[in-house]
Protein backbone atom coordinates (compact mmCIF):
# COMPACT_ATOMS: atom_id res chain seq x y z
CA MET A 1 94.21 -74.43 -130.78
CA PHE A 2 97.60 -75.07 -132.38
CA GLU A 3 98.45 -77.54 -129.62
CA PHE A 4 95.19 -79.42 -130.32
CA LEU A 5 95.97 -79.63 -134.05
CA ALA A 6 99.51 -80.87 -133.30
CA GLU A 7 98.18 -83.60 -131.05
CA PHE A 8 95.58 -84.53 -133.66
CA TRP A 9 98.35 -84.70 -136.35
CA GLU A 10 100.40 -87.09 -134.22
CA ALA A 11 97.34 -89.29 -133.62
CA VAL A 12 96.79 -89.85 -137.33
CA PRO A 13 98.38 -93.24 -138.30
CA GLY A 14 101.39 -93.25 -140.65
CA ASP A 15 104.71 -91.39 -140.83
CA SER A 16 104.66 -89.79 -144.26
CA PRO A 17 102.83 -86.45 -144.80
CA THR A 18 101.53 -87.87 -148.08
CA VAL A 19 99.73 -90.51 -146.03
CA LYS A 20 98.67 -88.30 -143.12
CA TRP A 21 97.19 -85.40 -145.13
CA PRO A 22 94.54 -87.40 -147.05
CA THR A 23 93.62 -89.25 -143.87
CA LEU A 24 93.34 -85.99 -141.91
CA VAL A 25 91.21 -84.35 -144.60
CA ALA A 26 88.89 -87.37 -144.71
CA ILE A 27 88.46 -87.34 -140.91
CA LEU A 28 87.78 -83.59 -140.82
CA THR A 29 85.26 -83.92 -143.67
CA VAL A 30 83.32 -86.58 -141.82
CA VAL A 31 83.41 -84.48 -138.64
CA GLY A 32 82.18 -81.46 -140.60
CA PHE A 33 79.28 -83.42 -142.06
CA VAL A 34 78.31 -84.70 -138.62
CA LEU A 35 78.46 -81.23 -137.05
CA GLY A 36 76.57 -79.74 -139.98
CA GLY A 37 73.86 -82.39 -139.65
CA ILE A 38 73.55 -81.69 -135.94
CA GLY A 39 73.27 -77.96 -136.67
CA TRP A 40 70.58 -78.56 -139.28
CA VAL A 41 68.59 -80.69 -136.83
CA ILE A 42 68.88 -77.97 -134.17
CA ARG A 43 67.75 -75.25 -136.61
CA TRP A 44 64.83 -77.42 -137.77
CA ALA A 45 63.81 -78.09 -134.16
CA ILE A 46 63.91 -74.36 -133.34
CA LYS A 47 61.75 -73.53 -136.36
CA PHE A 48 59.33 -76.34 -135.46
CA ILE A 49 59.01 -75.06 -131.90
CA GLN A 50 58.51 -71.50 -133.14
CA LYS A 51 55.89 -72.66 -135.60
CA SER A 52 54.10 -74.71 -132.96
CA LYS A 53 53.99 -71.62 -130.77
CA LYS A 54 52.60 -69.45 -133.56
CA PRO A 55 49.62 -67.58 -132.09
CA ASP A 56 46.14 -68.42 -133.22
CA PRO A 57 44.11 -65.40 -134.36
CA GLU A 58 40.98 -67.14 -133.08
CA THR A 59 42.27 -66.94 -129.51
CA ALA A 60 45.28 -64.59 -129.53
CA PRO A 61 44.97 -61.44 -127.39
CA THR A 62 45.04 -58.45 -129.72
CA GLU A 63 44.30 -55.39 -127.63
CA ALA A 64 47.96 -54.70 -126.90
CA VAL A 65 49.07 -54.81 -130.55
CA LYS A 66 49.03 -51.39 -132.15
CA ILE A 67 48.71 -50.32 -135.78
CA ALA A 68 49.22 -46.63 -136.37
CA GLY A 69 48.71 -46.11 -132.66
CA GLN A 70 45.40 -48.00 -132.53
CA SER A 71 44.56 -51.42 -131.08
CA THR A 72 43.09 -54.00 -133.42
CA ARG A 73 39.74 -53.72 -131.63
CA GLU A 74 39.73 -49.94 -132.06
CA ILE A 75 40.33 -50.40 -135.79
CA ALA A 76 37.63 -53.08 -135.90
CA LYS A 77 35.16 -50.61 -134.35
CA VAL A 78 36.07 -48.02 -137.00
CA LEU A 79 35.53 -50.59 -139.75
CA ALA A 80 32.19 -51.64 -138.26
CA ARG A 81 31.12 -48.00 -138.24
CA LYS A 82 32.26 -47.66 -141.87
CA SER A 83 30.10 -50.68 -142.62
CA GLU A 84 27.05 -48.95 -141.18
CA GLU A 85 27.78 -45.69 -142.97
CA ALA A 86 28.07 -47.56 -146.26
CA GLY A 87 24.77 -49.24 -145.55
CA ILE A 88 26.14 -52.77 -145.69
CA ALA A 89 25.41 -53.75 -142.08
CA LYS A 90 22.29 -55.83 -141.57
CA ALA A 91 19.08 -54.05 -140.61
CA GLU A 92 15.55 -55.22 -139.91
CA SER A 93 12.47 -53.66 -141.49
CA GLY A 94 9.89 -51.72 -139.51
CA ALA A 95 10.22 -51.72 -135.76
CA LEU A 96 12.23 -54.94 -135.40
CA ARG A 97 15.54 -53.12 -135.16
CA ASP A 98 17.80 -55.20 -132.91
CA GLN A 99 19.69 -58.10 -134.49
CA LEU A 100 20.98 -59.98 -131.46
CA ASP A 101 24.59 -59.04 -130.72
CA GLU A 102 25.38 -58.51 -134.40
CA LYS A 103 27.54 -55.45 -134.03
CA ASP A 104 29.57 -57.07 -131.26
CA ILE A 105 29.95 -60.24 -133.34
CA GLN A 106 31.09 -58.14 -136.30
CA ILE A 107 33.68 -56.29 -134.21
CA ALA A 108 35.01 -59.59 -132.80
CA ALA A 109 35.27 -61.09 -136.30
CA LEU A 110 37.11 -58.04 -137.63
CA THR A 111 39.48 -58.08 -134.66
CA LYS A 112 40.39 -61.69 -135.45
CA ALA A 113 40.89 -60.87 -139.13
CA ILE A 114 43.30 -58.04 -138.31
CA ALA A 115 45.13 -60.28 -135.82
CA ALA A 116 45.46 -62.94 -138.54
CA LEU A 117 47.19 -60.45 -140.84
CA GLN A 118 49.56 -59.45 -138.04
CA ILE A 119 50.43 -63.10 -137.43
CA GLU A 120 50.97 -63.68 -141.16
CA ARG A 121 53.38 -60.77 -141.17
CA ALA A 122 55.41 -62.27 -138.33
CA THR A 123 56.09 -65.42 -140.37
CA ALA A 124 56.20 -63.96 -143.89
CA GLY A 125 59.32 -63.30 -145.91
CA PRO A 126 60.62 -59.73 -146.35
CA GLU A 127 59.06 -59.47 -149.81
CA ASN A 128 55.57 -60.18 -148.37
CA GLN A 129 55.91 -58.14 -145.19
CA ALA A 130 55.73 -54.88 -147.13
CA THR A 131 52.44 -55.97 -148.71
CA ILE A 132 50.97 -56.89 -145.33
CA ASP A 133 52.24 -53.63 -143.80
CA ASP A 134 50.46 -51.71 -146.56
CA ALA A 135 47.24 -53.62 -145.98
CA LEU A 136 47.40 -53.03 -142.21
CA ALA A 137 48.09 -49.32 -142.70
CA ARG A 138 45.06 -49.00 -144.96
CA LEU A 139 42.93 -50.85 -142.42
CA ALA A 140 43.93 -48.26 -139.83
CA GLU A 141 42.41 -45.68 -142.22
CA GLY A 142 39.19 -47.68 -142.48
CA ARG A 143 39.97 -49.04 -145.98
CA THR A 144 39.47 -52.76 -146.50
CA GLU A 145 40.19 -53.46 -150.18
CA GLU A 146 43.87 -54.46 -149.88
CA ALA A 147 43.26 -56.52 -146.75
CA THR A 148 40.37 -58.34 -148.43
CA ALA A 149 42.50 -59.18 -151.47
CA LEU A 150 45.35 -60.38 -149.26
CA LEU A 151 43.09 -62.56 -147.12
CA ARG A 152 41.57 -64.07 -150.27
CA THR A 153 45.04 -65.08 -151.48
CA ILE A 154 45.97 -66.54 -148.09
CA ALA A 155 42.71 -68.50 -147.89
CA GLU A 156 43.08 -69.94 -151.39
CA GLU A 157 46.70 -70.93 -150.80
CA LYS A 158 45.91 -72.70 -147.53
CA ALA A 159 42.91 -74.48 -149.03
CA ALA A 160 45.04 -75.70 -151.95
CA ALA A 161 47.58 -77.24 -149.54
CA GLY A 162 45.11 -80.01 -148.78
CA ALA A 163 46.19 -81.48 -145.43
CA THR A 164 43.76 -81.56 -142.48
CA ALA A 165 45.69 -78.90 -140.58
CA ASN A 166 45.71 -76.72 -143.69
CA ARG A 167 41.95 -77.21 -144.12
CA GLU A 168 41.37 -75.81 -140.65
CA ALA A 169 43.77 -72.93 -141.34
CA ALA A 170 42.03 -72.29 -144.67
CA ALA A 171 38.62 -72.24 -142.96
CA GLY A 172 39.93 -69.64 -140.54
CA ALA A 173 41.32 -67.58 -143.41
CA TYR A 174 37.97 -67.73 -145.22
CA ARG A 175 36.21 -66.58 -142.03
CA HIS A 176 38.60 -63.62 -141.84
CA LEU A 177 37.97 -62.87 -145.53
CA GLY A 178 34.24 -63.04 -144.87
CA ALA A 179 34.55 -60.58 -141.99
CA MET A 180 36.31 -58.07 -144.23
CA ALA A 181 34.06 -58.63 -147.24
CA PHE A 182 31.01 -58.25 -144.95
CA LEU A 183 31.77 -54.52 -145.04
CA SER A 184 31.77 -54.05 -148.77
CA ASP A 185 30.61 -57.08 -150.75
CA THR A 186 27.73 -59.24 -149.54
CA GLN A 187 28.18 -61.90 -152.22
CA GLU A 188 31.91 -62.28 -151.58
CA ALA A 189 31.27 -62.50 -147.84
CA LEU A 190 28.57 -65.13 -148.46
CA SER A 191 30.96 -67.13 -150.67
CA ALA A 192 33.75 -66.89 -148.07
CA TYR A 193 31.61 -68.06 -145.15
CA THR A 194 30.08 -70.83 -147.28
CA ARG A 195 33.59 -72.09 -148.07
CA ALA A 196 34.57 -71.74 -144.40
CA VAL A 197 31.77 -74.01 -143.17
CA GLU A 198 32.53 -76.53 -145.92
CA LEU A 199 36.12 -76.75 -144.69
CA ASP A 200 35.30 -76.59 -140.98
CA PRO A 201 31.66 -77.56 -140.33
CA GLU A 202 32.25 -77.67 -136.57
CA ASN A 203 32.90 -73.92 -136.29
CA ALA A 204 29.82 -72.13 -134.91
CA GLU A 205 31.09 -68.64 -135.75
CA GLY A 206 31.17 -69.49 -139.46
CA TRP A 207 27.60 -70.82 -139.42
CA ASN A 208 26.28 -67.83 -137.46
CA ARG A 209 27.85 -65.30 -139.81
CA LEU A 210 26.57 -67.26 -142.80
CA GLY A 211 23.08 -67.14 -141.28
CA LEU A 212 23.28 -63.37 -140.82
CA LEU A 213 24.20 -62.92 -144.49
CA GLN A 214 21.47 -65.28 -145.67
CA LYS A 215 18.93 -63.40 -143.54
CA ARG A 216 20.17 -60.11 -145.00
CA LEU A 217 19.55 -61.44 -148.50
CA GLY A 218 16.09 -62.74 -147.61
CA GLU A 219 17.16 -66.41 -147.89
CA LEU A 220 15.16 -67.37 -144.82
CA ALA A 221 15.21 -71.18 -145.19
CA ASP A 222 19.00 -71.16 -145.58
CA ALA A 223 19.38 -68.78 -142.65
CA GLU A 224 17.30 -71.08 -140.45
CA ARG A 225 19.48 -74.07 -141.34
CA SER A 226 22.59 -72.10 -140.45
CA TYR A 227 21.20 -70.92 -137.10
CA GLN A 228 20.08 -74.48 -136.32
CA LYS A 229 23.69 -75.60 -136.94
CA VAL A 230 24.86 -73.01 -134.38
CA LEU A 231 22.25 -74.25 -131.92
CA ALA A 232 23.24 -77.89 -132.44
CA LEU A 233 26.93 -77.08 -131.92
CA GLY A 234 26.11 -75.07 -128.80
CA ASN A 235 24.10 -77.95 -127.36
CA ARG A 236 26.79 -80.48 -128.21
CA ILE A 237 29.57 -78.62 -126.40
CA GLU A 238 27.20 -77.14 -123.80
CA ASP A 239 28.12 -73.56 -124.70
CA GLN A 240 25.29 -71.45 -123.27
CA LYS A 241 26.41 -68.26 -125.04
CA LEU A 242 26.12 -69.98 -128.43
CA ILE A 243 22.69 -71.32 -127.50
CA ALA A 244 21.54 -67.80 -126.48
CA ILE A 245 22.78 -66.27 -129.74
CA ALA A 246 21.26 -69.02 -131.89
CA THR A 247 17.85 -68.97 -130.17
CA GLY A 248 17.73 -65.16 -130.32
CA ASN A 249 18.49 -65.16 -134.04
CA LEU A 250 15.95 -67.90 -134.67
CA GLY A 251 13.38 -65.78 -132.83
CA ILE A 252 14.00 -62.87 -135.19
CA LEU A 253 13.69 -65.22 -138.15
CA TYR A 254 10.37 -66.62 -136.91
CA ALA A 255 9.05 -63.10 -136.26
CA THR A 256 9.96 -62.10 -139.81
CA ARG A 257 7.90 -65.03 -141.09
CA GLY A 258 4.97 -64.13 -138.84
CA ASP A 259 5.39 -67.11 -136.48
CA LEU A 260 4.97 -65.01 -133.34
CA ASP A 261 4.51 -67.93 -130.94
CA GLY A 262 7.72 -69.52 -132.16
CA ALA A 263 9.50 -66.18 -131.93
CA GLU A 264 8.33 -65.61 -128.36
CA ALA A 265 9.54 -69.05 -127.28
CA MET A 266 12.98 -68.39 -128.76
CA TYR A 267 13.27 -64.90 -127.24
CA LYS A 268 12.33 -66.15 -123.79
CA LYS A 269 14.78 -69.03 -123.97
CA SER A 270 17.54 -66.66 -125.09
CA LEU A 271 16.64 -64.16 -122.37
CA GLU A 272 16.71 -66.82 -119.66
CA ILE A 273 20.21 -67.89 -120.70
CA ASN A 274 21.49 -64.33 -121.06
CA GLU A 275 20.18 -63.42 -117.60
CA THR A 276 21.91 -66.48 -116.11
CA LEU A 277 25.16 -65.57 -117.88
CA GLY A 278 24.83 -61.86 -117.08
CA ARG A 279 25.09 -61.00 -120.79
CA LYS A 280 23.49 -57.57 -120.62
CA GLU A 281 23.75 -56.68 -124.31
CA GLY A 282 21.96 -59.90 -125.21
CA MET A 283 19.36 -59.19 -122.54
CA ALA A 284 18.72 -55.71 -123.95
CA SER A 285 18.10 -57.13 -127.42
CA ASN A 286 15.79 -59.81 -126.00
CA TYR A 287 13.77 -57.18 -124.09
CA GLY A 288 13.35 -55.08 -127.23
CA ASN A 289 12.29 -58.00 -129.38
CA LEU A 290 9.83 -59.28 -126.76
CA GLY A 291 8.40 -55.77 -126.55
CA ILE A 292 7.69 -55.82 -130.28
CA LEU A 293 5.84 -59.12 -129.90
CA TYR A 294 3.69 -57.79 -127.06
CA LEU A 295 3.00 -54.68 -129.13
CA THR A 296 1.83 -56.91 -131.99
CA HIS A 297 -0.62 -58.53 -129.55
CA ASP A 298 -1.81 -55.06 -128.37
CA ASP A 299 -0.42 -55.78 -124.90
CA PHE A 300 0.82 -52.22 -124.48
CA ASP A 301 1.74 -52.43 -120.79
CA GLN A 302 3.94 -55.49 -121.28
CA ALA A 303 5.51 -53.94 -124.37
CA GLU A 304 6.29 -50.71 -122.52
CA ALA A 305 7.87 -52.63 -119.65
CA MET A 306 10.12 -54.52 -122.06
CA PHE A 307 11.15 -51.40 -124.00
CA ASN A 308 11.98 -49.53 -120.80
CA LYS A 309 14.01 -52.48 -119.49
CA GLY A 310 15.95 -52.56 -122.73
CA LEU A 311 16.47 -48.80 -122.60
CA GLU A 312 17.78 -48.94 -119.02
CA VAL A 313 20.30 -51.67 -119.85
CA ASN A 314 21.50 -49.85 -122.97
CA LYS A 315 21.90 -46.60 -121.04
CA ALA A 316 23.93 -48.40 -118.36
CA LEU A 317 26.16 -49.89 -121.06
CA GLY A 318 26.44 -46.61 -122.97
CA ARG A 319 25.16 -48.49 -126.01
CA LYS A 320 23.72 -45.69 -128.13
CA GLU A 321 22.56 -47.95 -130.96
CA GLY A 322 20.40 -49.85 -128.49
CA MET A 323 19.09 -46.64 -126.95
CA ALA A 324 18.04 -45.37 -130.38
CA SER A 325 16.23 -48.64 -131.08
CA GLN A 326 14.29 -48.51 -127.82
CA TYR A 327 13.33 -44.85 -128.28
CA GLY A 328 11.99 -45.79 -131.72
CA ASN A 329 10.08 -48.74 -130.27
CA LEU A 330 8.59 -46.53 -127.54
CA GLY A 331 7.52 -44.13 -130.28
CA ILE A 332 5.56 -46.90 -131.98
CA LEU A 333 3.98 -47.79 -128.64
CA TYR A 334 2.84 -44.22 -127.96
CA LYS A 335 1.49 -43.87 -131.49
CA ASN A 336 -0.58 -47.03 -131.07
CA ARG A 337 -1.93 -45.62 -127.80
CA GLY A 338 -2.89 -42.42 -129.61
CA ASP A 339 -0.31 -40.19 -127.89
CA LEU A 340 1.05 -38.70 -131.12
CA ALA A 341 3.01 -35.86 -129.48
CA GLU A 342 4.95 -38.27 -127.25
CA ALA A 343 5.44 -40.64 -130.17
CA GLU A 344 6.92 -37.87 -132.31
CA ALA A 345 9.28 -36.89 -129.47
CA MET A 346 10.52 -40.50 -129.21
CA TYR A 347 11.00 -40.86 -132.98
CA LYS A 348 12.96 -37.62 -133.14
CA LYS A 349 15.09 -38.64 -130.16
CA SER A 350 15.91 -41.89 -131.91
CA LEU A 351 16.58 -40.10 -135.21
CA GLU A 352 18.98 -37.66 -133.53
CA ILE A 353 21.10 -40.53 -132.18
CA GLU A 354 21.00 -42.46 -135.46
CA LYS A 355 22.18 -39.39 -137.39
CA ALA A 356 25.02 -38.81 -134.91
CA LEU A 357 26.10 -42.44 -135.32
CA GLY A 358 25.72 -42.36 -139.10
CA ARG A 359 23.38 -45.38 -138.93
CA LYS A 360 21.42 -45.03 -142.13
CA GLU A 361 19.31 -48.13 -141.56
CA GLY A 362 18.10 -46.69 -138.25
CA MET A 363 17.40 -43.35 -139.92
CA ALA A 364 15.33 -45.12 -142.58
CA SER A 365 13.17 -46.76 -139.89
CA ASN A 366 12.71 -43.41 -138.13
CA TYR A 367 11.63 -41.66 -141.33
CA GLY A 368 9.16 -44.45 -142.04
CA ASP A 369 7.75 -44.22 -138.51
CA LEU A 370 7.44 -40.44 -138.76
CA GLY A 371 5.65 -40.89 -142.10
CA ASN A 372 3.11 -43.17 -140.42
CA LEU A 373 2.60 -40.62 -137.65
CA TYR A 374 2.10 -37.69 -140.06
CA LYS A 375 -0.32 -39.78 -142.15
CA THR A 376 -2.33 -40.51 -138.99
CA ARG A 377 -2.49 -36.75 -138.35
CA GLY A 378 -3.63 -36.14 -141.93
CA ASP A 379 -0.40 -34.39 -142.93
CA LEU A 380 -0.12 -36.32 -146.18
CA ASP A 381 2.55 -34.12 -147.79
CA ASP A 382 4.84 -34.47 -144.76
CA ALA A 383 4.12 -38.19 -144.64
CA GLU A 384 5.03 -38.61 -148.30
CA ALA A 385 8.30 -36.73 -147.77
CA MET A 386 9.21 -39.03 -144.87
CA TYR A 387 8.34 -42.22 -146.77
CA LYS A 388 10.45 -41.09 -149.73
CA LYS A 389 13.39 -40.29 -147.46
CA SER A 390 13.10 -43.75 -145.97
CA LEU A 391 12.83 -45.37 -149.41
CA GLU A 392 15.86 -43.49 -150.70
CA LEU A 393 17.99 -44.75 -147.81
CA ASN A 394 16.67 -48.30 -148.04
CA GLU A 395 17.33 -48.44 -151.77
CA ALA A 396 20.90 -47.27 -151.17
CA LEU A 397 21.29 -49.89 -148.44
CA GLY A 398 19.72 -52.69 -150.45
CA ARG A 399 17.26 -53.35 -147.59
CA LYS A 400 14.57 -55.33 -149.37
CA GLU A 401 12.28 -55.58 -146.35
CA GLY A 402 12.58 -51.85 -145.72
CA MET A 403 11.92 -51.04 -149.37
CA ALA A 404 8.85 -53.28 -149.40
CA LEU A 405 7.50 -51.55 -146.29
CA ASP A 406 8.07 -48.11 -147.83
CA TYR A 407 6.32 -49.08 -151.08
CA SER A 408 3.40 -50.43 -149.07
CA ASN A 409 3.18 -47.25 -146.98
CA LEU A 410 3.30 -45.05 -150.08
CA GLY A 411 0.59 -47.20 -151.66
CA ARG A 412 -1.68 -46.61 -148.65
CA LEU A 413 -0.97 -42.87 -148.79
CA TYR A 414 -1.83 -42.61 -152.51
CA LYS A 415 -5.01 -44.63 -151.93
CA THR A 416 -5.99 -42.13 -149.20
CA ARG A 417 -5.52 -39.33 -151.75
CA GLY A 418 -7.62 -41.20 -154.28
CA ASP A 419 -4.68 -41.86 -156.62
CA PHE A 420 -5.45 -45.56 -157.12
CA GLU A 421 -3.12 -46.02 -160.09
CA SER A 422 -0.08 -44.93 -158.05
CA ALA A 423 -1.32 -46.94 -155.07
CA CYS A 424 -1.56 -50.13 -157.12
CA GLY A 425 1.87 -49.59 -158.64
CA HIS A 426 3.46 -49.32 -155.21
CA TYR A 427 1.54 -52.30 -153.81
CA ARG A 428 2.83 -54.41 -156.70
CA LYS A 429 6.42 -53.39 -155.97
CA ALA A 430 5.98 -54.24 -152.30
CA ARG A 431 4.40 -57.60 -153.12
CA ALA A 432 7.19 -58.57 -155.54
CA LEU A 433 9.81 -57.88 -152.87
CA TYR A 434 7.95 -59.87 -150.21
CA VAL A 435 7.67 -62.79 -152.64
CA GLU A 436 11.40 -62.56 -153.36
CA ILE A 437 12.28 -62.49 -149.66
CA GLY A 438 9.81 -65.24 -148.78
CA ILE A 439 7.40 -63.63 -146.28
CA PRO A 440 3.97 -65.14 -147.12
CA HIS A 441 1.87 -63.20 -144.61
CA GLN A 442 3.10 -59.90 -146.08
CA VAL A 443 2.31 -61.16 -149.59
CA GLU A 444 -1.22 -61.90 -148.40
CA GLN A 445 -1.47 -58.42 -146.89
CA CYS A 446 -0.43 -56.86 -150.21
CA ASP A 447 -3.05 -58.96 -152.01
CA LYS A 448 -5.68 -57.67 -149.58
CA LEU A 449 -4.60 -54.05 -150.09
CA MET A 450 -4.63 -54.46 -153.87
CA LYS A 451 -8.12 -55.95 -153.79
CA GLU A 452 -9.37 -53.06 -151.64
CA ALA A 453 -7.86 -50.57 -154.11
CA GLY A 454 -9.40 -52.36 -157.10
CA CYS A 455 -6.00 -53.19 -158.61
CA ASN A 456 -5.61 -55.59 -161.50
CA GLU A 457 -3.83 -58.90 -160.88
CA ALA A 458 -0.20 -58.61 -159.71
């Protein structure tokens, strides 16, 4: 080193130290600036490469990452269960119990949201890592409040950045926020998914989740538009899974409106695709929903075949929610055939599973079905107790369709007892809810019941 400096000293022009020193300092300064610039460029390039390799929560594998000893998917399953226990998860009224693939879609969305927080942590500064760690730890306990607040901040910051890349990142952040808010705040989830599709209208997941929320709130026209967006995107990119999900959800929507021919066409199209893809969970839901349609047409043999097919697939998958749904559907079938003992056994089998899973929406349907069965037997006190249990759960869940059905059933029961004043009061409540949701054929049915009971105008 000293030899190099000596040689460098001799190479500097001039004989006097007073000449050489300033020249040497100037040369070394320039060299330092050059080397520093090269170093800055290298550091920038490394950061750019690292950033470009930043994993995408939409596609990043998350099973191997652990939080408090659990994989992100395991935590997502816990959160989905918490959603059901809190009564926030979507549920259909009456016997139409299976929303196509919804629980699996919810788990996938939650898994992505948790992965997004993990990725944010990897690139955050030390002061923000502690906040994200706290949010992740609370998620592992099944608590979503901190994670929801954090995702809201991330989404708003990315949206404010403005560039195209940031718009896509913001849309993803809003989808993750929607997945978390889905568990606790329907309106916030609706707002998040609405913002997500505004920022990224080509994302089918955002439209599908928005449709589920709109259907939950009884906004049927909006839900149909959202599902049609999913269908259009699926057709454009030739994604058969998206087409199966969209057509299945449209079938449920048409059935809710009373368009049974339209519903059947959608279910069969969805089933055909799911069978081709080997998507057994989708097939099970299609079988159940087709069974309900056949039951509506009094085609009991076809309905039974569909319910049993759905039950077999759900048993093979170990999918207890699906098994409970099919037992409940079989109960309705046996009741319509007049086999009340077998119907009661099926309802109670379904209820036992729903209680074990903590699925309050399923329990509400079972209590309503048992109420119908006891009323058919003439056990009006037992029927009333079941209807009130169902109503209590549906009110806690905010299930407008379920509440309307319970009010209607109670109205029929009070009319049977000769208590026309109570009957009319309950019919009016049912009618108001069906008007709010937008189900005209049920409004007409309530009008018919009120006329038969001699009720005053609604």
